[in-house]
Amino acid sequence: MRIQLLGPIVGVAVMAAASIGAGDAATTTAQAPSTTNATGIALALDGAIPPWEAARLAKQASFGPTPELIDAIVAKKSAAAWIDEQLSLSNSSYTDLAAKAVRLDHCSSLTGVEYSNCYRDNFSATPVQMRFYANAIGKDDQLRQRVAFALSQIIVASDLEVHHTSGLAAFNQILLSNAFGNYRDILEAVTLNAFMGDYLDMVDSNKSQPNENYARELMQLFSVGTVLLNPDGTPQTDNTGATIPTYSNTDVKEVARALTGWTYARLNGASLTDNANRDWTKPMVMYAARYDTGAKAFLGKTVPANATQQTSVDTVVDAVFDHPNTAPHICKRLIQQLTVANPTPAYVERVAAAFTNNGKGVRGDMRAVVRAIYLDSEAQTISQLPGKVKEPVLLATSLARAIGFTTDGYAFTTRDALLGQAPFRAPSVFNFYPYEFPLPQGAGIVSPASKLMTTYTAVNRHNFIYDWTVSGDPTRSEYQAQAAITSTTGTVPQWTSWEALGTDDKILDRINLVLLNGTMTSAQRQSLLTSMAQIKTTSPAQQSRRRAQMALYAVASSPFFQVDR
């Protein structure tokens, strides 16, 4: 048992004084770190964005601050300039994994370990998850990846139900490629995606009995939501005070009819009846005999009789994309994923306005939406809003990036499910947690990620942090390259950079900036210094590493790291 909730470390008790809940409304004021940054270089104090604000932006717009990322933001002189640079980057990819489509019986001739390895490589989420983590830790298109991950938790298709590696990769490539594109393009690509078609049963939906699953979730979750909204995301009500439904069951049935007649593409030009050659990596193809050619009407739109299948799909996508609800509904979800859990209606309305019109008459421009989310005053204000609990994936990646990791991603896949969130394996189309999950005793404040904070996962979070800090030397078994997985390189924490800092003050300067964006109090600092001084070894480098590991453990296991402000 590794958990040390009280622990021998004095700093833990000091830093645990605040509630870990997202609703802790105590004011936290950013403090200027010392006049050197995490790498020991003198700060450019005349810059337009100070390093602690750069660190806070990095928390929101990346998978975790690093000294190098903070320096890069500071060098850009403004958040807007760094974001604009990020909007031009696109070096993360799943395309090579998506290109490895195989027959359903690809592993059938194998047995034992060979079968298990073949199944893992071709019919599980593991290769995609490893790529996700490797990109999140090591690639510089951090903002694109964060937005794509947010989209994957709004437009959910899960390996928990559909087991096909290349198909999962192709689905997530849509979100990654279009993270800075147009939301309409995302909706159309997802609608015709075979992995999603399998997950929500649109694939092989027949006019004789149209499947309503995708039609319902497209409206409920991916676009308009269930109740009519004002532009600021607050619900509209009728003269009795009741909310007004956005769509009816008739709308669901009619959309389902419009989406009939699609099936999997087949590998190698095989017949559409050859189920062993189903291809989850390509858009679905028409199966005309199963398409309902009758007239349809939904959400105020009509599809005339004998319209083509593509016309039906286009009309469905246009109907939900153009609906006035989609902007506030989707924008609030993106805000909650990326910056704050409890945005004010005014914040939602400002971002929704950018969705509605990017300033050039274009609707759904994700670049405009992303800029509006991050450059809004509420996203940049520490003291006015409650905090946002780090969901498990961000807890893991933020810690790893703060320490300094190189990784093939495998080590993360051994931990994430225990923390309550294995990427791309959501338990349902409603994601890992509901967006309106109320913080217990939070006076109306919501804390979506707190849904994952059970006794079991809280212990696992703590043990994870302990294992990857105090016990986080490179010899850990989970860090080693996996012989059974082709081309793995393992995971290496870069403790030498911490050893090189030399003094406890420099170690805490780096921790304060990278983990806490400059908010460490003098009392917390002194408590940590006192605890660090108790660790003594004959090797100066080893002593610095051990002291850094202890301090990282104390800070990372505290609410000051686990709740972003």
Protein backbone atom coordinates (compact mmCIF):
# COMPACT_ATOMS: atom_id res chain seq x y z
CA MET A 1 0.00 0.00 0.00
CA ARG A 2 1.56 3.23 -1.17
CA ILE A 3 -1.06 5.75 -0.10
CA GLN A 4 0.18 8.21 2.50
CA LEU A 5 -2.73 10.58 2.99
CA LEU A 6 -1.19 12.00 6.15
CA GLY A 7 2.31 10.99 5.17
CA PRO A 8 5.64 11.94 6.68
CA ILE A 9 5.65 15.14 4.65
CA VAL A 10 4.68 18.29 6.51
CA GLY A 11 3.87 20.08 3.27
CA VAL A 12 1.00 17.72 2.49
CA ALA A 13 -0.94 18.82 5.55
CA VAL A 14 -0.39 22.48 4.76
CA MET A 15 -1.40 22.21 1.14
CA ALA A 16 -4.40 19.97 1.77
CA ALA A 17 -6.10 22.71 3.77
CA ALA A 18 -8.26 23.71 0.78
CA SER A 19 -11.14 21.63 -0.50
CA ILE A 20 -10.39 19.53 -3.57
CA GLY A 21 -13.87 20.33 -4.85
CA ALA A 22 -14.32 22.50 -7.91
CA GLY A 23 -16.68 24.67 -5.92
CA ASP A 24 -14.12 26.00 -3.44
CA ALA A 25 -14.71 29.67 -4.06
CA ALA A 26 -11.85 31.01 -1.95
CA THR A 27 -9.95 33.70 -3.76
CA THR A 28 -6.53 32.67 -5.02
CA THR A 29 -4.23 35.48 -6.11
CA ALA A 30 -1.35 34.73 -8.44
CA GLN A 31 2.02 35.64 -7.00
CA ALA A 32 5.06 36.49 -9.02
CA PRO A 33 7.65 33.72 -8.86
CA SER A 34 11.28 34.58 -8.43
CA THR A 35 13.04 36.55 -11.12
CA THR A 36 14.36 33.42 -12.79
CA ASN A 37 12.21 30.98 -14.69
CA ALA A 38 12.05 27.21 -14.36
CA THR A 39 15.17 26.77 -16.45
CA GLY A 40 17.13 29.41 -14.55
CA ILE A 41 17.00 32.03 -17.31
CA ALA A 42 16.25 35.61 -16.27
CA LEU A 43 12.66 36.56 -16.88
CA ALA A 44 11.77 39.12 -19.51
CA LEU A 45 9.90 41.35 -17.06
CA ASP A 46 8.97 43.84 -19.77
CA GLY A 47 6.96 41.20 -21.68
CA ALA A 48 3.22 41.56 -22.13
CA ILE A 49 2.46 38.22 -20.48
CA PRO A 50 4.25 37.28 -17.24
CA PRO A 51 5.40 33.68 -16.77
CA TRP A 52 2.81 32.75 -14.16
CA GLU A 53 0.02 33.82 -16.53
CA ALA A 54 1.71 31.87 -19.30
CA ALA A 55 1.73 28.82 -17.03
CA ARG A 56 -1.97 29.21 -16.36
CA LEU A 57 -2.74 29.46 -20.07
CA ALA A 58 -0.65 26.34 -20.62
CA LYS A 59 -2.80 24.48 -18.06
CA GLN A 60 -5.90 25.29 -20.08
CA ALA A 61 -4.57 24.98 -23.62
CA SER A 62 -2.11 22.10 -23.41
CA PHE A 63 -1.76 18.74 -21.70
CA GLY A 64 0.31 20.41 -19.01
CA PRO A 65 2.81 23.24 -18.62
CA THR A 66 6.52 22.65 -19.13
CA PRO A 67 9.34 25.13 -18.60
CA GLU A 68 9.88 25.25 -22.35
CA LEU A 69 6.21 25.87 -23.13
CA ILE A 70 5.98 28.64 -20.55
CA ASP A 71 9.07 30.28 -22.05
CA ALA A 72 7.53 30.00 -25.54
CA ILE A 73 4.31 31.70 -24.45
CA VAL A 74 6.21 34.47 -22.66
CA ALA A 75 8.32 35.00 -25.78
CA LYS A 76 5.16 35.52 -27.85
CA LYS A 77 4.29 38.53 -25.64
CA SER A 78 0.56 37.71 -25.58
CA ALA A 79 -1.86 34.82 -25.26
CA ALA A 80 -3.38 35.71 -28.62
CA ALA A 81 -0.04 35.47 -30.42
CA TRP A 82 0.73 32.05 -28.94
CA ILE A 83 -2.77 30.76 -29.71
CA ASP A 84 -2.49 31.97 -33.30
CA GLU A 85 0.81 30.12 -33.63
CA GLN A 86 -0.81 26.97 -32.22
CA LEU A 87 -3.63 27.26 -34.75
CA SER A 88 -1.05 26.69 -37.49
CA LEU A 89 0.39 23.45 -36.03
CA SER A 90 -0.76 19.96 -37.00
CA ASN A 91 2.01 17.44 -36.42
CA SER A 92 0.02 14.92 -34.37
CA SER A 93 -1.71 12.16 -36.29
CA TYR A 94 -3.46 8.80 -36.20
CA THR A 95 -3.38 8.32 -39.98
CA ASP A 96 -0.83 5.52 -39.98
CA LEU A 97 -2.93 3.57 -37.46
CA ALA A 98 -6.05 4.20 -39.53
CA ALA A 99 -4.26 2.79 -42.58
CA LYS A 100 -3.91 -0.64 -40.95
CA ALA A 101 -7.41 -1.91 -41.69
CA VAL A 102 -7.71 -5.69 -41.48
CA ARG A 103 -10.37 -8.36 -41.97
CA LEU A 104 -12.45 -9.36 -38.98
CA ASP A 105 -10.86 -12.81 -39.04
CA HIS A 106 -7.33 -11.39 -39.19
CA CYS A 107 -6.25 -13.08 -35.93
CA SER A 108 -8.36 -16.23 -36.20
CA SER A 109 -5.51 -18.55 -37.20
CA LEU A 110 -3.46 -17.63 -34.11
CA THR A 111 -3.59 -18.94 -30.54
CA GLY A 112 -2.28 -18.05 -27.10
CA VAL A 113 -0.01 -15.06 -26.73
CA GLU A 114 0.17 -14.52 -30.50
CA TYR A 115 -3.61 -14.21 -30.66
CA SER A 116 -3.68 -11.84 -27.68
CA ASN A 117 -1.03 -9.61 -29.21
CA CYS A 118 -2.75 -9.63 -32.60
CA TYR A 119 -6.10 -8.76 -31.01
CA ARG A 120 -4.55 -5.94 -28.97
CA ASP A 121 -2.87 -4.46 -32.03
CA ASN A 122 -5.90 -4.65 -34.33
CA PHE A 123 -9.07 -4.85 -32.26
CA SER A 124 -8.45 -2.81 -29.11
CA ALA A 125 -7.99 0.83 -28.17
CA THR A 126 -4.43 0.31 -26.90
CA PRO A 127 -2.47 1.49 -29.98
CA VAL A 128 -4.67 4.59 -30.33
CA GLN A 129 -4.40 5.35 -26.61
CA MET A 130 -0.62 4.97 -26.74
CA ARG A 131 -0.44 7.36 -29.68
CA PHE A 132 -2.74 9.80 -27.88
CA TYR A 133 -0.48 9.88 -24.81
CA ALA A 134 2.74 10.00 -26.82
CA ASN A 135 1.40 12.97 -28.76
CA ALA A 136 0.05 14.68 -25.63
CA ILE A 137 3.43 14.43 -23.90
CA GLY A 138 5.76 15.00 -26.81
CA LYS A 139 4.16 16.89 -29.72
CA ASP A 140 4.03 20.66 -29.92
CA ASP A 141 0.52 21.05 -31.42
CA GLN A 142 -0.84 21.04 -27.89
CA LEU A 143 -3.87 23.24 -28.48
CA ARG A 144 -5.09 21.15 -31.43
CA GLN A 145 -4.80 18.03 -29.31
CA ARG A 146 -6.64 19.58 -26.34
CA VAL A 147 -9.51 20.71 -28.54
CA ALA A 148 -9.69 17.31 -30.27
CA PHE A 149 -9.78 15.60 -26.88
CA ALA A 150 -12.58 17.93 -25.79
CA LEU A 151 -14.50 17.10 -28.97
CA SER A 152 -14.02 13.37 -28.32
CA GLN A 153 -15.86 13.83 -25.02
CA ILE A 154 -18.74 15.69 -26.65
CA ILE A 155 -19.05 13.54 -29.79
CA VAL A 156 -18.46 10.17 -28.17
CA ALA A 157 -17.76 6.86 -29.90
CA SER A 158 -16.26 4.26 -27.60
CA ASP A 159 -14.04 1.21 -27.93
CA LEU A 160 -16.00 -0.23 -25.03
CA GLU A 161 -18.60 -1.29 -27.61
CA VAL A 162 -16.82 -1.26 -31.00
CA HIS A 163 -13.48 -3.06 -31.00
CA HIS A 164 -11.57 -2.01 -34.09
CA THR A 165 -8.24 -0.21 -33.79
CA SER A 166 -7.97 1.31 -37.25
CA GLY A 167 -11.61 2.44 -37.12
CA LEU A 168 -11.08 4.15 -33.76
CA ALA A 169 -8.00 5.85 -35.17
CA ALA A 170 -9.92 7.05 -38.24
CA PHE A 171 -12.71 8.44 -36.06
CA ASN A 172 -10.29 10.37 -33.84
CA GLN A 173 -8.41 11.64 -36.87
CA ILE A 174 -11.62 13.41 -37.90
CA LEU A 175 -11.63 15.33 -34.62
CA LEU A 176 -7.90 16.05 -34.73
CA SER A 177 -7.94 17.19 -38.36
CA ASN A 178 -11.02 19.38 -37.90
CA ALA A 179 -10.31 20.76 -34.43
CA PHE A 180 -9.60 24.13 -36.10
CA GLY A 181 -11.91 23.58 -39.06
CA ASN A 182 -15.67 24.01 -39.25
CA TYR A 183 -18.11 22.32 -36.90
CA ARG A 184 -20.43 21.47 -39.79
CA ASP A 185 -17.65 19.45 -41.42
CA ILE A 186 -17.17 17.60 -38.14
CA LEU A 187 -20.89 16.76 -37.95
CA GLU A 188 -21.04 15.48 -41.52
CA ALA A 189 -17.82 13.45 -41.26
CA VAL A 190 -18.93 11.90 -37.97
CA THR A 191 -22.40 11.13 -39.37
CA LEU A 192 -20.90 9.08 -42.20
CA ASN A 193 -18.06 7.59 -40.14
CA ALA A 194 -18.26 3.80 -39.99
CA PHE A 195 -16.96 3.53 -36.41
CA MET A 196 -19.64 5.94 -35.22
CA GLY A 197 -22.14 4.20 -37.50
CA ASP A 198 -21.41 0.94 -35.69
CA TYR A 199 -21.38 2.54 -32.24
CA LEU A 200 -24.74 4.30 -32.57
CA ASP A 201 -26.33 1.88 -35.04
CA MET A 202 -26.75 4.06 -38.11
CA VAL A 203 -24.78 1.55 -40.18
CA ASP A 204 -27.17 -0.86 -41.94
CA SER A 205 -30.23 1.07 -40.71
CA ASN A 206 -33.02 -0.08 -43.00
CA LYS A 207 -36.13 1.70 -44.25
CA SER A 208 -38.20 -1.24 -42.98
CA GLN A 209 -37.22 -0.38 -39.38
CA PRO A 210 -35.04 2.75 -39.14
CA ASN A 211 -32.72 2.75 -36.15
CA GLU A 212 -33.24 5.91 -34.09
CA ASN A 213 -30.12 5.77 -31.93
CA TYR A 214 -27.79 8.01 -33.93
CA ALA A 215 -30.60 10.40 -34.85
CA ARG A 216 -31.38 10.96 -31.19
CA GLU A 217 -27.80 11.39 -29.99
CA LEU A 218 -26.90 13.63 -32.93
CA MET A 219 -29.51 16.07 -31.68
CA GLN A 220 -29.32 15.49 -27.95
CA LEU A 221 -25.55 15.51 -27.53
CA PHE A 222 -23.70 16.52 -30.68
CA SER A 223 -25.67 19.63 -31.66
CA VAL A 224 -28.93 21.17 -30.42
CA GLY A 225 -29.44 19.67 -26.96
CA THR A 226 -32.73 18.75 -25.38
CA VAL A 227 -34.23 22.14 -24.39
CA LEU A 228 -34.45 25.44 -26.22
CA LEU A 229 -31.75 27.85 -25.12
CA ASN A 230 -31.21 31.54 -25.08
CA PRO A 231 -28.04 32.77 -26.83
CA ASP A 232 -26.28 32.69 -23.44
CA GLY A 233 -27.05 29.00 -22.88
CA THR A 234 -29.75 29.52 -20.27
CA PRO A 235 -33.00 27.59 -20.92
CA GLN A 236 -36.02 29.22 -22.46
CA THR A 237 -39.29 28.67 -20.63
CA ASP A 238 -42.96 28.83 -21.51
CA ASN A 239 -45.62 30.86 -19.69
CA THR A 240 -45.77 28.21 -16.93
CA GLY A 241 -42.04 28.36 -16.31
CA ALA A 242 -41.39 24.94 -17.89
CA THR A 243 -38.52 24.38 -20.29
CA ILE A 244 -39.34 23.90 -23.97
CA PRO A 245 -38.15 20.75 -25.77
CA THR A 246 -35.84 21.35 -28.71
CA TYR A 247 -37.17 18.45 -30.75
CA SER A 248 -39.95 15.87 -30.63
CA ASN A 249 -40.02 12.12 -30.94
CA THR A 250 -41.41 12.69 -34.43
CA ASP A 251 -38.25 14.64 -35.28
CA VAL A 252 -36.16 11.67 -34.10
CA LYS A 253 -38.14 9.24 -36.25
CA GLU A 254 -37.96 11.47 -39.31
CA VAL A 255 -34.21 12.05 -38.98
CA ALA A 256 -33.75 8.31 -38.57
CA ARG A 257 -35.63 7.76 -41.84
CA ALA A 258 -33.40 10.30 -43.58
CA LEU A 259 -30.30 8.43 -42.42
CA THR A 260 -31.26 4.97 -43.69
CA GLY A 261 -29.42 3.09 -46.43
CA TRP A 262 -25.76 3.34 -45.36
CA THR A 263 -23.37 0.46 -44.77
CA TYR A 264 -19.67 -0.22 -44.29
CA ALA A 265 -17.27 0.16 -47.17
CA ARG A 266 -15.51 -3.15 -47.81
CA LEU A 267 -11.82 -3.94 -47.96
CA ASN A 268 -10.28 -4.82 -51.29
CA GLY A 269 -13.46 -4.11 -53.26
CA ALA A 270 -15.35 -6.96 -51.63
CA SER A 271 -19.12 -7.28 -51.95
CA LEU A 272 -21.31 -5.27 -49.59
CA THR A 273 -22.58 -8.57 -48.25
CA ASP A 274 -19.07 -9.72 -47.27
CA ASN A 275 -19.10 -9.01 -43.54
CA ALA A 276 -15.56 -10.27 -42.90
CA ASN A 277 -14.23 -7.42 -45.06
CA ARG A 278 -16.04 -4.55 -43.37
CA ASP A 279 -13.92 -1.40 -43.34
CA TRP A 280 -14.28 0.87 -40.31
CA THR A 281 -11.70 3.36 -41.63
CA LYS A 282 -13.59 4.76 -44.62
CA PRO A 283 -16.87 6.70 -44.73
CA MET A 284 -19.97 4.55 -45.02
CA VAL A 285 -21.28 3.88 -48.52
CA MET A 286 -24.81 3.86 -49.91
CA TYR A 287 -26.97 0.74 -49.89
CA ALA A 288 -29.80 2.10 -52.01
CA ALA A 289 -32.24 -0.75 -51.44
CA ARG A 290 -32.38 0.09 -47.72
CA TYR A 291 -32.93 3.84 -48.15
CA ASP A 292 -36.31 5.39 -47.38
CA THR A 293 -37.12 7.49 -50.45
CA GLY A 294 -40.25 9.07 -48.99
CA ALA A 295 -40.56 12.72 -47.97
CA LYS A 296 -39.33 13.63 -44.49
CA ALA A 297 -39.79 16.64 -42.22
CA PHE A 298 -37.79 17.49 -39.08
CA LEU A 299 -36.67 20.57 -37.15
CA GLY A 300 -38.44 22.83 -39.63
CA LYS A 301 -36.63 21.30 -42.63
CA THR A 302 -38.02 19.04 -45.33
CA VAL A 303 -36.54 16.43 -47.64
CA PRO A 304 -38.67 15.88 -50.73
CA ALA A 305 -39.65 12.41 -51.90
CA ASN A 306 -37.01 10.68 -54.05
CA ALA A 307 -34.22 12.99 -52.88
CA THR A 308 -30.81 11.36 -52.95
CA GLN A 309 -29.30 9.79 -49.86
CA GLN A 310 -26.61 12.46 -49.77
CA THR A 311 -29.28 15.17 -49.90
CA SER A 312 -30.98 13.58 -46.91
CA VAL A 313 -27.72 13.54 -44.94
CA ASP A 314 -26.88 17.11 -45.93
CA THR A 315 -30.32 18.32 -44.87
CA VAL A 316 -30.03 16.59 -41.50
CA VAL A 317 -26.59 18.06 -40.88
CA ASP A 318 -27.70 21.52 -41.99
CA ALA A 319 -30.79 21.35 -39.78
CA VAL A 320 -28.81 20.68 -36.60
CA PHE A 321 -25.83 22.85 -37.52
CA ASP A 322 -27.96 25.89 -38.36
CA HIS A 323 -30.25 25.50 -35.34
CA PRO A 324 -29.83 28.47 -32.96
CA ASN A 325 -29.36 26.07 -30.04
CA THR A 326 -26.20 24.49 -31.39
CA ALA A 327 -23.95 27.49 -30.78
CA PRO A 328 -24.67 27.95 -27.05
CA HIS A 329 -25.03 24.21 -26.39
CA ILE A 330 -21.73 23.15 -27.95
CA CYS A 331 -19.82 26.24 -26.89
CA LYS A 332 -20.73 25.76 -23.24
CA ARG A 333 -19.54 22.15 -23.43
CA LEU A 334 -16.25 23.24 -24.99
CA ILE A 335 -15.75 25.93 -22.34
CA GLN A 336 -16.35 23.38 -19.59
CA GLN A 337 -13.85 21.03 -21.13
CA LEU A 338 -11.16 23.60 -21.77
CA THR A 339 -11.25 26.46 -19.27
CA VAL A 340 -13.87 26.66 -16.49
CA ALA A 341 -16.53 24.28 -15.23
CA ASN A 342 -19.00 27.04 -14.34
CA PRO A 343 -18.94 29.66 -17.09
CA THR A 344 -21.26 32.60 -16.65
CA PRO A 345 -24.04 33.03 -19.22
CA ALA A 346 -22.21 36.10 -20.52
CA TYR A 347 -19.09 34.02 -21.25
CA VAL A 348 -21.18 31.40 -23.06
CA GLU A 349 -22.93 34.07 -25.08
CA ARG A 350 -19.67 35.68 -26.19
CA VAL A 351 -18.25 32.37 -27.39
CA ALA A 352 -21.54 31.34 -29.00
CA ALA A 353 -21.52 34.63 -30.91
CA ALA A 354 -18.14 33.67 -32.38
CA PHE A 355 -19.62 30.31 -33.40
CA THR A 356 -22.58 32.05 -35.04
CA ASN A 357 -20.38 34.52 -36.91
CA ASN A 358 -16.59 34.54 -36.98
CA GLY A 359 -16.61 38.20 -37.99
CA LYS A 360 -16.62 37.34 -41.67
CA GLY A 361 -20.10 35.85 -41.89
CA VAL A 362 -18.94 32.24 -41.38
CA ARG A 363 -20.81 29.99 -38.94
CA GLY A 364 -19.12 27.19 -37.03
CA ASP A 365 -15.53 28.37 -37.47
CA MET A 366 -13.66 26.46 -34.77
CA ARG A 367 -10.68 28.80 -34.93
CA ALA A 368 -12.91 31.69 -33.96
CA VAL A 369 -14.53 29.62 -31.22
CA VAL A 370 -11.21 28.50 -29.77
CA ARG A 371 -9.84 32.04 -29.74
CA ALA A 372 -13.01 33.29 -28.09
CA ILE A 373 -12.82 30.62 -25.38
CA TYR A 374 -9.21 31.27 -24.41
CA LEU A 375 -9.04 35.03 -24.86
CA ASP A 376 -12.19 35.77 -22.87
CA SER A 377 -11.63 37.66 -19.64
CA GLU A 378 -13.31 34.90 -17.61
CA ALA A 379 -10.82 32.34 -18.86
CA GLN A 380 -7.96 34.58 -17.77
CA THR A 381 -9.29 35.55 -14.34
CA ILE A 382 -8.16 33.55 -11.33
CA SER A 383 -10.21 34.95 -8.47
CA GLN A 384 -13.75 35.40 -9.77
CA LEU A 385 -14.76 31.83 -10.62
CA PRO A 386 -14.64 28.45 -8.86
CA GLY A 387 -11.92 26.03 -9.85
CA LYS A 388 -12.00 23.12 -12.26
CA VAL A 389 -10.99 19.65 -11.05
CA LYS A 390 -8.39 17.98 -13.26
CA GLU A 391 -9.93 14.97 -14.93
CA PRO A 392 -7.72 11.86 -14.65
CA VAL A 393 -6.17 12.11 -18.12
CA LEU A 394 -5.08 15.70 -17.49
CA LEU A 395 -3.84 14.80 -14.02
CA ALA A 396 -1.55 12.15 -15.53
CA THR A 397 -0.32 14.16 -18.50
CA SER A 398 0.18 17.34 -16.48
CA LEU A 399 2.29 15.53 -13.90
CA ALA A 400 4.34 13.79 -16.57
CA ARG A 401 4.96 16.96 -18.55
CA ALA A 402 5.84 18.87 -15.36
CA ILE A 403 8.44 16.26 -14.46
CA GLY A 404 9.68 15.96 -18.03
CA PHE A 405 8.83 12.69 -19.79
CA THR A 406 9.58 11.05 -23.07
CA THR A 407 7.16 8.22 -23.72
CA ASP A 408 5.59 5.83 -26.18
CA GLY A 409 2.38 6.13 -24.14
CA TYR A 410 2.21 2.58 -22.81
CA ALA A 411 2.85 3.44 -19.15
CA PHE A 412 -0.21 5.69 -19.13
CA THR A 413 -2.45 2.89 -20.41
CA THR A 414 -1.55 0.83 -17.35
CA ARG A 415 -2.94 3.53 -15.07
CA ASP A 416 -5.77 5.46 -16.68
CA ALA A 417 -8.63 3.01 -16.13
CA LEU A 418 -7.71 2.80 -12.42
CA LEU A 419 -8.08 6.57 -12.25
CA GLY A 420 -11.52 6.38 -13.88
CA GLN A 421 -10.83 7.62 -17.41
CA ALA A 422 -9.29 5.53 -20.18
CA PRO A 423 -9.37 7.67 -23.35
CA PHE A 424 -11.76 6.55 -26.08
CA ARG A 425 -13.38 3.97 -23.76
CA ALA A 426 -16.20 6.04 -22.29
CA PRO A 427 -18.85 3.90 -20.58
CA SER A 428 -21.60 5.41 -22.75
CA VAL A 429 -22.31 8.07 -25.35
CA PHE A 430 -22.79 10.44 -22.40
CA ASN A 431 -19.02 10.41 -21.79
CA PHE A 432 -17.27 9.64 -18.51
CA TYR A 433 -19.26 12.18 -16.51
CA PRO A 434 -22.30 14.44 -16.91
CA TYR A 435 -21.65 18.11 -17.58
CA GLU A 436 -24.17 19.18 -14.97
CA PHE A 437 -22.86 16.94 -12.18
CA PRO A 438 -23.43 18.96 -8.99
CA LEU A 439 -20.60 19.43 -6.54
CA PRO A 440 -21.81 18.02 -3.20
CA GLN A 441 -22.56 20.94 -0.87
CA GLY A 442 -21.52 23.22 -3.71
CA ALA A 443 -24.49 25.61 -3.56
CA GLY A 444 -25.47 25.01 -7.17
CA ILE A 445 -21.95 24.80 -8.60
CA VAL A 446 -21.27 21.97 -11.02
CA SER A 447 -18.07 19.93 -11.13
CA PRO A 448 -18.27 17.43 -14.00
CA ALA A 449 -14.98 15.62 -13.34
CA SER A 450 -15.89 15.19 -9.66
CA LYS A 451 -18.24 12.41 -10.79
CA LEU A 452 -15.07 10.33 -11.14
CA MET A 453 -13.88 11.11 -7.60
CA THR A 454 -14.85 8.01 -5.66
CA THR A 455 -13.00 6.57 -2.68
CA TYR A 456 -11.47 4.02 -5.04
CA THR A 457 -10.27 6.51 -7.64
CA ALA A 458 -9.14 9.05 -5.03
CA VAL A 459 -6.83 6.43 -3.51
CA ASN A 460 -5.62 5.47 -6.98
CA ARG A 461 -4.94 9.12 -7.87
CA HIS A 462 -2.83 9.49 -4.75
CA ASN A 463 -0.95 6.23 -5.29
CA PHE A 464 -0.35 7.14 -8.93
CA ILE A 465 1.21 10.47 -7.94
CA TYR A 466 3.37 8.79 -5.29
CA ASP A 467 4.55 6.12 -7.72
CA TRP A 468 5.51 8.58 -10.45
CA THR A 469 7.24 11.03 -8.11
CA VAL A 470 8.75 9.55 -4.93
CA SER A 471 9.04 6.11 -6.56
CA GLY A 472 9.35 7.43 -10.09
CA ASP A 473 12.91 6.46 -11.01
CA PRO A 474 13.41 5.22 -14.60
CA THR A 475 13.69 1.60 -13.42
CA ARG A 476 9.94 1.29 -12.79
CA SER A 477 8.60 -1.77 -14.63
CA GLU A 478 5.72 0.10 -16.28
CA TYR A 479 8.23 2.51 -17.84
CA GLN A 480 10.10 -0.21 -19.73
CA ALA A 481 9.73 -0.86 -23.46
CA GLN A 482 7.29 -3.68 -24.14
CA ALA A 483 8.87 -6.47 -26.18
CA ALA A 484 5.45 -7.70 -27.29
CA ILE A 485 4.52 -4.34 -28.83
CA THR A 486 6.31 -3.38 -32.03
CA SER A 487 8.54 -0.30 -31.94
CA THR A 488 7.95 0.64 -28.31
CA THR A 489 10.51 2.88 -26.67
CA GLY A 490 9.24 2.95 -23.11
CA THR A 491 8.88 5.92 -20.78
CA VAL A 492 11.75 7.96 -19.34
CA PRO A 493 11.33 10.65 -16.66
CA GLN A 494 13.95 13.36 -17.06
CA TRP A 495 15.19 13.63 -13.49
CA THR A 496 18.60 14.92 -14.56
CA SER A 497 17.11 18.37 -15.20
CA TRP A 498 15.90 18.46 -11.59
CA GLU A 499 19.27 17.28 -10.31
CA ALA A 500 20.94 20.10 -12.21
CA LEU A 501 18.89 22.74 -10.38
CA GLY A 502 21.04 22.11 -7.32
CA THR A 503 19.23 24.09 -4.63
CA ASP A 504 15.89 23.59 -2.92
CA ASP A 505 14.86 27.15 -3.78
CA LYS A 506 15.37 26.55 -7.49
CA ILE A 507 13.44 23.29 -7.28
CA LEU A 508 10.52 25.07 -5.64
CA ASP A 509 10.70 27.94 -8.12
CA ARG A 510 10.18 25.42 -10.90
CA ILE A 511 7.40 23.58 -9.07
CA ASN A 512 5.67 26.83 -8.15
CA LEU A 513 5.66 28.02 -11.74
CA VAL A 514 4.96 24.77 -13.63
CA LEU A 515 2.51 23.11 -11.24
CA LEU A 516 0.94 26.08 -9.45
CA ASN A 517 1.37 28.97 -11.90
CA GLY A 518 2.99 31.10 -9.21
CA THR A 519 0.36 30.75 -6.47
CA MET A 520 2.44 29.04 -3.77
CA THR A 521 2.21 30.95 -0.47
CA SER A 522 5.22 31.72 1.69
CA ALA A 523 3.89 29.35 4.37
CA GLN A 524 3.56 26.51 1.87
CA ARG A 525 7.04 27.19 0.55
CA GLN A 526 8.58 27.17 4.01
CA SER A 527 6.80 23.95 4.91
CA LEU A 528 8.16 22.29 1.80
CA LEU A 529 11.67 23.60 2.43
CA THR A 530 11.57 22.21 5.97
CA SER A 531 10.50 18.80 4.71
CA MET A 532 13.01 18.77 1.88
CA ALA A 533 15.85 19.53 4.28
CA GLN A 534 15.18 16.23 6.06
CA ILE A 535 16.25 14.29 2.95
CA LYS A 536 20.03 13.87 2.96
CA THR A 537 22.27 11.69 0.80
CA THR A 538 25.97 11.66 0.08
CA SER A 539 25.36 12.38 -3.61
CA PRO A 540 24.35 16.01 -4.34
CA ALA A 541 22.58 14.98 -7.56
CA GLN A 542 20.66 12.19 -5.86
CA GLN A 543 19.75 14.48 -2.98
CA SER A 544 18.35 17.08 -5.37
CA ARG A 545 16.35 14.41 -7.19
CA ARG A 546 14.92 12.93 -4.00
CA ARG A 547 14.01 16.35 -2.66
CA ALA A 548 12.40 17.28 -5.96
CA GLN A 549 10.44 14.02 -5.99
CA MET A 550 9.17 14.61 -2.47
CA ALA A 551 8.15 18.18 -3.22
CA LEU A 552 6.45 17.16 -6.45
CA TYR A 553 4.53 14.49 -4.54
CA ALA A 554 3.40 16.95 -1.88
CA VAL A 555 2.26 19.55 -4.38
CA ALA A 556 0.74 17.22 -6.99
CA SER A 557 -1.31 15.36 -4.38
CA SER A 558 -2.74 18.65 -3.09
CA PRO A 559 -5.87 20.48 -4.28
CA PHE A 560 -3.71 23.39 -5.39
CA PHE A 561 -2.49 21.27 -8.29
CA GLN A 562 -5.54 19.05 -8.76
CA VAL A 563 -7.96 21.97 -9.02
CA ASP A 564 -7.13 24.44 -11.79
CA ARG A 565 -7.88 28.12 -11.23
